[in-house]
């Protein structure tokens, strides 16, 4: 990989590692926003950044023409997952949320199998699926039994991860020649419009902290607009498949930031589950050279 490729890889890993911290701060019930308001503001900012880029690529019109598929993608990638994660982070740590989202490659591998990908049952990938699920079971079991985390919130993040894993596969198959920047620009605009009535109705009556405001701005500018733009630039260099390996970096980043900045506990479930989920995701998403 070139120096530019490595720079973008590390940058995306960081930009997609910090949203869990931003969300945790932004949805603080005492001085922050509601989860729906955060999603609305985040996607509105992201759309404002990506739409001009899509227009410059002359790809925006193609994403608009495929609005049915982009709408389904928005539902599975943003409208559903981001409200689930935001709601869950009111009761679980940002690091745990980031760890659970690291299961995306495992779910994606299973969906690929359902769509006819026979390489899923290659020994190394099957090993990855098994190890990854052991890691998830360890995390969910230990965190729930010890009372370190709310079981329903854990389930919500896992459901969001399943949505993530199918969304990209679906839209790539439906709109193979359309720029990822354009697809996400339109999807973010759709998500912002969808949540606008909720944001207006749920606008906080209490004083909003400067930290929550900065978290939402950072979430929209860095973790949404800039992160997606950087990822698809990286994908043009090394491909989407290799680019998706950034999941492992942003997961570790999310856990570290949660512990260092927010003072979140490094629980037994995270200590045992993190390496298993990352190892499992790596092998599950790894295709044989001949495939």
Protein backbone atom coordinates (compact mmCIF):
# COMPACT_ATOMS: atom_id res chain seq x y z
CA UNK A 1 0.00 0.00 0.00
CA UNK A 2 1.28 3.50 -0.81
CA UNK A 3 1.97 6.14 1.83
CA UNK A 4 -1.22 7.91 0.79
CA UNK A 5 -3.10 4.66 1.17
CA UNK A 6 -1.73 4.07 4.66
CA UNK A 7 -2.50 7.65 5.66
CA UNK A 8 -6.12 7.31 4.52
CA UNK A 9 -6.42 3.88 6.16
CA UNK A 10 -5.29 5.23 9.54
CA UNK A 11 -7.38 8.38 9.09
CA UNK A 12 -10.57 6.44 8.36
CA UNK A 13 -9.86 4.09 11.25
CA UNK A 14 -9.68 7.08 13.58
CA UNK A 15 -12.68 8.91 12.08
CA UNK A 16 -14.84 5.79 12.37
CA UNK A 17 -13.46 5.01 15.82
CA UNK A 18 -14.51 8.30 17.44
CA UNK A 19 -18.27 8.40 16.59
CA UNK A 20 -19.10 6.15 19.55
CA UNK A 21 -17.43 8.65 21.87
CA UNK A 22 -19.23 11.56 20.17
CA UNK A 23 -22.58 9.74 20.39
CA UNK A 24 -22.07 8.96 24.07
CA UNK A 25 -21.52 12.65 24.82
CA UNK A 26 -24.24 13.91 22.47
CA UNK A 27 -27.08 11.74 23.84
CA UNK A 28 -26.45 12.55 27.50
CA UNK A 29 -30.04 12.80 28.83
CA UNK A 30 -29.12 15.59 31.27
CA UNK A 31 -27.57 18.11 28.88
CA UNK A 32 -27.56 16.61 25.40
CA UNK A 33 -29.87 15.75 22.52
CA UNK A 34 -32.26 12.88 21.93
CA UNK A 35 -30.92 10.07 19.70
CA UNK A 36 -33.31 11.04 16.87
CA UNK A 37 -32.12 14.65 16.97
CA UNK A 38 -28.50 13.51 16.83
CA UNK A 39 -29.19 11.36 13.76
CA UNK A 40 -31.00 14.23 12.04
CA UNK A 41 -28.21 16.74 12.67
CA UNK A 42 -25.47 14.24 11.87
CA UNK A 43 -26.92 13.22 8.53
CA UNK A 44 -27.81 16.79 7.56
CA UNK A 45 -24.19 17.87 8.09
CA UNK A 46 -22.89 14.78 6.30
CA UNK A 47 -25.20 15.36 3.32
CA UNK A 48 -24.09 19.00 3.10
CA UNK A 49 -20.48 17.79 2.78
CA UNK A 50 -21.02 14.86 0.39
CA UNK A 51 -23.60 16.32 -2.02
CA UNK A 52 -21.16 18.88 -3.53
CA UNK A 53 -18.56 16.11 -3.91
CA UNK A 54 -21.12 13.88 -5.66
CA UNK A 55 -22.06 16.75 -7.96
CA UNK A 56 -18.39 17.29 -8.79
CA UNK A 57 -18.16 13.59 -9.69
CA UNK A 58 -21.31 13.98 -11.81
CA UNK A 59 -22.75 10.97 -10.00
CA UNK A 60 -25.51 12.55 -7.93
CA UNK A 61 -28.19 12.12 -10.61
CA UNK A 62 -27.52 8.38 -10.85
CA UNK A 63 -27.97 7.93 -7.10
CA UNK A 64 -31.21 9.93 -7.27
CA UNK A 65 -32.48 7.76 -10.14
CA UNK A 66 -31.84 4.69 -7.97
CA UNK A 67 -33.72 6.25 -5.06
CA UNK A 68 -35.60 3.04 -4.22
CA UNK A 69 -32.38 1.16 -3.56
CA UNK A 70 -30.72 4.17 -1.93
CA UNK A 71 -33.77 4.52 0.31
CA UNK A 72 -33.49 0.88 1.39
CA UNK A 73 -29.77 1.42 1.97
CA UNK A 74 -30.49 4.54 4.07
CA UNK A 75 -32.93 2.54 6.18
CA UNK A 76 -30.46 -0.28 6.86
CA UNK A 77 -27.30 1.83 7.11
CA UNK A 78 -28.43 5.05 8.82
CA UNK A 79 -32.09 5.47 9.73
CA UNK A 80 -32.27 2.19 11.66
CA UNK A 81 -28.71 1.59 12.94
CA UNK A 82 -27.88 5.12 14.05
CA UNK A 83 -31.01 5.49 16.16
CA UNK A 84 -30.41 2.03 17.65
CA UNK A 85 -26.78 2.80 18.53
CA UNK A 86 -27.61 6.25 19.88
CA UNK A 87 -30.37 4.85 22.07
CA UNK A 88 -28.17 1.97 23.23
CA UNK A 89 -25.30 4.26 24.20
CA UNK A 90 -27.50 5.87 26.80
CA UNK A 91 -27.05 2.64 28.77
CA UNK A 92 -23.84 1.00 27.52
CA UNK A 93 -20.28 2.24 27.06
CA UNK A 94 -19.00 3.64 23.77
CA UNK A 95 -16.24 1.03 23.74
CA UNK A 96 -18.70 -1.85 24.01
CA UNK A 97 -20.79 -0.36 21.19
CA UNK A 98 -17.71 -0.14 18.99
CA UNK A 99 -16.77 -3.73 19.82
CA UNK A 100 -20.21 -5.07 18.93
CA UNK A 101 -20.17 -3.22 15.59
CA UNK A 102 -16.93 -5.06 14.79
CA UNK A 103 -19.12 -8.11 14.15
CA UNK A 104 -20.22 -6.60 10.81
CA UNK A 105 -17.77 -8.70 8.70
CA UNK A 106 -19.11 -11.87 10.35
CA UNK A 107 -22.73 -11.06 9.48
CA UNK A 108 -21.67 -9.94 5.99
CA UNK A 109 -19.97 -13.29 5.44
CA UNK A 110 -23.14 -15.15 6.41
CA UNK A 111 -25.24 -12.98 4.06
CA UNK A 112 -22.73 -13.64 1.27
CA UNK A 113 -23.22 -17.35 1.85
CA UNK A 114 -26.98 -16.96 1.48
CA UNK A 115 -26.38 -15.18 -1.84
CA UNK A 116 -24.38 -18.11 -3.18
CA UNK A 117 -20.80 -17.37 -2.12
CA UNK A 118 -19.38 -20.89 -1.63
CA UNK A 119 -16.02 -19.59 -0.37
CA UNK A 120 -17.68 -18.84 2.96
CA UNK A 121 -17.32 -22.51 3.88
CA UNK A 122 -13.61 -22.49 3.21
CA UNK A 123 -11.91 -23.67 6.48
CA UNK A 124 -10.29 -20.35 7.42
CA UNK A 125 -13.49 -18.36 6.91
CA UNK A 126 -15.55 -20.94 8.78
CA UNK A 127 -13.00 -20.77 11.59
CA UNK A 128 -13.45 -17.00 11.64
CA UNK A 129 -17.23 -17.25 11.90
CA UNK A 130 -17.00 -19.70 14.81
CA UNK A 131 -14.35 -17.73 16.71
CA UNK A 132 -16.21 -14.47 16.10
CA UNK A 133 -19.45 -15.86 17.46
CA UNK A 134 -17.63 -17.25 20.50
CA UNK A 135 -16.34 -13.73 21.08
CA UNK A 136 -19.81 -12.23 20.74
CA UNK A 137 -21.26 -14.82 23.10
CA UNK A 138 -18.49 -14.06 25.59
CA UNK A 139 -19.15 -10.32 25.41
CA UNK A 140 -22.93 -10.55 25.57
CA UNK A 141 -22.93 -13.25 28.22
CA UNK A 142 -20.37 -11.73 30.55
CA UNK A 143 -21.65 -8.15 30.21
CA UNK A 144 -25.26 -9.24 30.78
CA UNK A 145 -24.64 -11.70 33.63
CA UNK A 146 -22.35 -9.35 35.53
CA UNK A 147 -24.73 -6.45 35.00
CA UNK A 148 -21.99 -4.38 33.32
CA UNK A 149 -24.29 -3.58 30.40
CA UNK A 150 -27.97 -3.57 29.51
CA UNK A 151 -28.90 -6.70 27.50
CA UNK A 152 -31.51 -4.92 25.37
CA UNK A 153 -28.99 -2.21 24.44
CA UNK A 154 -26.47 -4.87 23.42
CA UNK A 155 -29.12 -6.49 21.20
CA UNK A 156 -29.89 -3.10 19.62
CA UNK A 157 -26.26 -2.59 18.59
CA UNK A 158 -26.04 -6.13 17.21
CA UNK A 159 -29.22 -5.48 15.20
CA UNK A 160 -27.61 -2.30 13.85
CA UNK A 161 -24.53 -4.32 12.87
CA UNK A 162 -26.68 -6.79 10.95
CA UNK A 163 -28.28 -3.88 9.10
CA UNK A 164 -24.85 -2.47 8.24
CA UNK A 165 -23.66 -5.80 6.90
CA UNK A 166 -26.56 -6.28 4.50
CA UNK A 167 -26.95 -2.65 3.40
CA UNK A 168 -23.66 -2.33 1.55
CA UNK A 169 -24.02 -5.72 -0.14
CA UNK A 170 -27.54 -4.87 -1.27
CA UNK A 171 -26.81 -1.44 -2.73
CA UNK A 172 -23.59 -2.56 -4.44
CA UNK A 173 -25.52 -5.30 -6.20
CA UNK A 174 -28.37 -2.97 -7.19
CA UNK A 175 -26.30 0.08 -8.24
CA UNK A 176 -22.87 -1.32 -9.17
CA UNK A 177 -21.70 1.63 -11.25
CA UNK A 178 -22.77 4.43 -8.94
CA UNK A 179 -20.27 6.30 -6.76
CA UNK A 180 -20.35 5.43 -3.07
CA UNK A 181 -20.08 9.13 -2.26
CA UNK A 182 -23.24 9.85 -4.28
CA UNK A 183 -25.17 6.96 -2.75
CA UNK A 184 -24.29 8.05 0.77
CA UNK A 185 -24.97 11.72 0.01
CA UNK A 186 -28.52 10.95 -1.07
CA UNK A 187 -29.00 8.41 1.73
CA UNK A 188 -27.94 10.96 4.33
CA UNK A 189 -30.30 13.55 2.90
CA UNK A 190 -33.13 11.00 3.10
CA UNK A 191 -32.25 10.14 6.70
CA UNK A 192 -32.10 13.81 7.70
CA UNK A 193 -35.53 14.47 6.17
CA UNK A 194 -36.96 11.35 7.83
CA UNK A 195 -35.80 12.42 11.30
CA UNK A 196 -36.50 16.15 10.91
CA UNK A 197 -40.04 15.97 12.42
CA UNK A 198 -38.69 13.96 15.37
CA UNK A 199 -35.85 16.41 15.88
CA UNK A 200 -38.26 19.34 15.96
CA UNK A 201 -40.68 17.60 18.32
CA UNK A 202 -37.90 16.34 20.60
CA UNK A 203 -35.72 19.45 20.67
CA UNK A 204 -34.34 19.65 24.23
CA UNK A 205 -36.09 21.94 26.69
CA UNK A 206 -33.05 21.92 28.97
CA UNK A 207 -29.85 23.83 28.36
CA UNK A 208 -27.63 22.00 25.89
CA UNK A 209 -24.01 21.68 26.95
CA UNK A 210 -21.21 22.96 24.75
CA UNK A 211 -19.74 19.46 24.85
CA UNK A 212 -22.90 17.94 23.34
CA UNK A 213 -22.94 20.59 20.61
CA UNK A 214 -19.29 19.98 19.77
CA UNK A 215 -19.93 16.23 19.76
CA UNK A 216 -22.75 16.57 17.20
CA UNK A 217 -20.67 18.87 14.99
CA UNK A 218 -17.72 16.46 15.21
CA UNK A 219 -20.01 13.55 14.49
CA UNK A 220 -21.41 15.21 11.38
CA UNK A 221 -18.25 16.77 9.99
CA UNK A 222 -15.61 14.20 10.94
CA UNK A 223 -17.31 10.83 11.47
CA UNK A 224 -19.94 11.21 8.75
CA UNK A 225 -19.02 13.62 5.96
CA UNK A 226 -15.21 13.48 6.06
CA UNK A 227 -15.04 9.79 7.03
CA UNK A 228 -17.20 8.60 4.13
CA UNK A 229 -15.33 10.83 1.67
CA UNK A 230 -11.98 9.53 2.93
CA UNK A 231 -13.14 5.90 2.88
CA UNK A 232 -14.23 5.98 -0.76
CA UNK A 233 -10.99 7.72 -1.71
CA UNK A 234 -9.19 4.86 0.05
CA UNK A 235 -11.43 2.32 -1.71
CA UNK A 236 -10.39 3.75 -5.08
CA UNK A 237 -6.78 3.01 -4.14
CA UNK A 238 -6.97 -0.43 -2.52
CA UNK A 239 -10.52 -1.60 -3.24
CA UNK A 240 -13.62 -1.81 -1.04
CA UNK A 241 -12.79 -5.30 0.28
CA UNK A 242 -9.35 -4.35 1.61
CA UNK A 243 -10.64 -0.98 2.71
CA UNK A 244 -13.22 -2.68 4.91
CA UNK A 245 -10.37 -4.05 7.04
CA UNK A 246 -10.35 -0.61 8.65
CA UNK A 247 -13.09 -2.07 10.88
CA UNK A 248 -10.42 -3.66 13.06
CA UNK A 249 -8.60 -0.37 13.56
CA UNK A 250 -11.70 1.70 14.37
CA UNK A 251 -12.91 -0.89 16.89
CA UNK A 252 -9.67 -0.74 18.85
CA UNK A 253 -9.79 3.05 18.59
CA UNK A 254 -13.35 3.16 19.98
CA UNK A 255 -12.43 1.02 22.99
CA UNK A 256 -9.25 2.98 23.78
CA UNK A 257 -10.95 6.39 23.44
CA UNK A 258 -13.81 5.28 25.67
CA UNK A 259 -11.40 4.18 28.40
CA UNK A 260 -8.95 7.09 28.12
CA UNK A 261 -11.26 10.06 27.48
CA UNK A 262 -14.58 9.02 29.02
CA UNK A 263 -13.09 6.92 31.81
CA UNK A 264 -15.18 3.89 30.83
CA UNK A 265 -14.27 0.59 32.53
CA UNK A 266 -12.30 -2.01 30.62
CA UNK A 267 -14.60 -4.86 31.57
CA UNK A 268 -13.91 -8.59 31.51
CA UNK A 269 -16.33 -9.01 28.61
CA UNK A 270 -14.43 -6.50 26.48
CA UNK A 271 -11.02 -7.89 27.42
CA UNK A 272 -12.02 -11.44 26.47
CA UNK A 273 -14.35 -10.64 23.60
CA UNK A 274 -12.38 -7.97 21.72
CA UNK A 275 -9.53 -10.19 20.44
CA UNK A 276 -11.93 -13.03 19.58
CA UNK A 277 -14.30 -10.78 17.62
CA UNK A 278 -11.43 -9.09 15.75
CA UNK A 279 -9.70 -12.39 14.92
CA UNK A 280 -13.01 -13.93 13.88
CA UNK A 281 -13.96 -10.95 11.72
CA UNK A 282 -10.56 -11.01 10.02
CA UNK A 283 -10.73 -14.66 9.03
CA UNK A 284 -14.45 -14.57 8.21
CA UNK A 285 -13.98 -11.72 5.74
CA UNK A 286 -10.82 -13.19 4.20
CA UNK A 287 -11.36 -14.78 0.80
CA UNK A 288 -8.95 -17.35 -0.66
CA UNK A 289 -6.63 -16.06 -3.38
CA UNK A 290 -8.27 -18.26 -6.01
CA UNK A 291 -11.79 -16.92 -5.21
